[in-house]
Structure formats: C-alpha cells, structure tokens
Protein backbone atom coordinates (compact mmCIF):
# COMPACT_ATOMS: atom_id res chain seq x y z
CA MET A 1 -22.78 105.63 36.90
CA GLU A 2 -25.30 103.68 34.38
CA CYS A 3 -24.69 101.05 32.28
CA PHE A 4 -26.35 100.34 29.53
CA ASP A 5 -24.32 97.82 27.52
CA LYS A 6 -25.42 95.05 29.41
CA LYS A 7 -26.88 91.11 28.51
CA ILE A 8 -29.99 90.97 30.22
CA ILE A 9 -31.14 87.80 31.99
CA LEU A 10 -34.83 87.32 32.33
CA PHE A 11 -36.87 85.68 35.07
CA THR A 12 -40.26 85.52 35.24
CA GLY A 13 -42.71 84.33 37.77
CA SER A 14 -45.09 84.51 40.63
CA THR A 15 -44.21 83.86 44.40
CA HIS A 16 -44.32 80.20 44.29
CA PRO A 17 -41.75 78.79 46.40
CA PRO A 18 -39.18 77.37 43.78
CA ASN A 19 -39.68 80.95 42.33
CA ILE A 20 -38.30 82.38 45.50
CA GLU A 21 -35.51 80.00 45.92
CA ALA A 22 -34.12 80.59 42.68
CA VAL A 23 -34.05 84.38 42.64
CA ASN A 24 -31.97 83.66 46.01
CA LYS A 25 -29.85 81.79 43.65
CA ILE A 26 -29.62 84.65 41.57
CA ILE A 27 -28.31 87.36 44.37
CA GLU A 28 -25.88 84.73 45.50
CA MET A 29 -24.71 84.87 41.62
CA SER A 30 -24.68 88.39 41.63
CA LYS A 31 -22.85 89.03 44.34
CA SER A 32 -19.72 87.88 42.21
CA LEU A 33 -20.13 90.61 39.45
CA ASN A 34 -19.07 94.25 39.70
CA TYR A 35 -21.56 96.86 38.97
CA CYS A 36 -20.80 97.73 35.59
CA ASP A 37 -20.60 93.75 34.39
CA GLU A 38 -22.01 93.01 31.35
CA ILE A 39 -24.72 91.27 32.97
CA LEU A 40 -28.28 92.55 34.64
CA PHE A 41 -30.60 90.09 36.41
CA LEU A 42 -34.47 91.41 35.47
CA VAL A 43 -36.83 89.80 37.36
CA VAL A 44 -40.26 90.24 36.50
CA GLY A 45 -43.87 89.15 38.27
CA SER A 46 -45.48 89.14 41.72
CA ILE A 47 -41.77 87.09 42.63
CA GLY A 48 -40.64 90.77 43.27
CA ASP A 49 -42.93 91.63 46.63
CA VAL A 50 -40.84 89.56 48.23
CA PHE A 51 -37.82 91.30 47.59
CA LYS A 52 -39.16 94.75 47.51
CA GLY A 53 -36.91 97.58 49.35
CA LYS A 54 -34.13 95.31 48.83
CA LYS A 55 -31.00 96.91 46.64
CA TYR A 56 -29.22 94.63 44.46
CA LYS A 57 -26.15 95.96 42.32
CA ASN A 58 -26.72 93.74 39.13
CA ILE A 59 -30.53 93.13 39.76
CA LEU A 60 -33.67 94.85 38.82
CA PHE A 61 -37.23 93.93 40.27
CA THR A 62 -40.17 95.39 38.20
CA GLY A 63 -43.02 93.42 40.36
CA LEU A 64 -46.23 92.38 38.60
CA VAL A 65 -46.84 93.57 35.08
CA GLU A 66 -49.50 93.77 32.99
CA ASP A 67 -47.84 92.18 29.51
CA ILE A 68 -44.63 90.69 30.20
CA THR A 69 -44.11 90.83 25.89
CA ASP A 70 -41.82 93.81 25.96
CA TYR A 71 -39.34 92.55 28.34
CA PHE A 72 -38.92 89.08 26.50
CA LYS A 73 -38.03 91.31 22.98
CA MET A 74 -35.27 93.22 25.65
C-alpha cells in the first residue's frame, strides 16, 4: 500500500562522515514510525551510495542527482 500524503523531510549530502552519521540518526528515528505515518525521509545525493541495497520503511534514497531543484520544490 502506498501513502502519498506524507510530509517530506529532505536531507542532502555527500559521503562525508558527518553526513553518514546524520543518516544513521534518520534511520533510527524512522524505526519509531509506522509504514503509513505522515513522514517520508528523502535522502538525496551520493550519501545514498553508503546505504545502497538496504530498505527502510519511511526512507527513500535517490543517490546522486544532476539537479536538486525539483527535490527542494517538493
């Protein structure tokens, strides 16, 4: 079941160690949410490569994108 009425929390970053630590904290926060809770964490940038292949219920990793403008508009 998809949930399309979520609030989106955007995090962008590279694979810089403080960004990895921040995403690990996002993962911990997301564990306390139910699948269709109101929040979707959207992680954009090469930081997603560190977490590639892993799935989390309320986190979407895009990987590196050419233009982040549309993500800010969300």
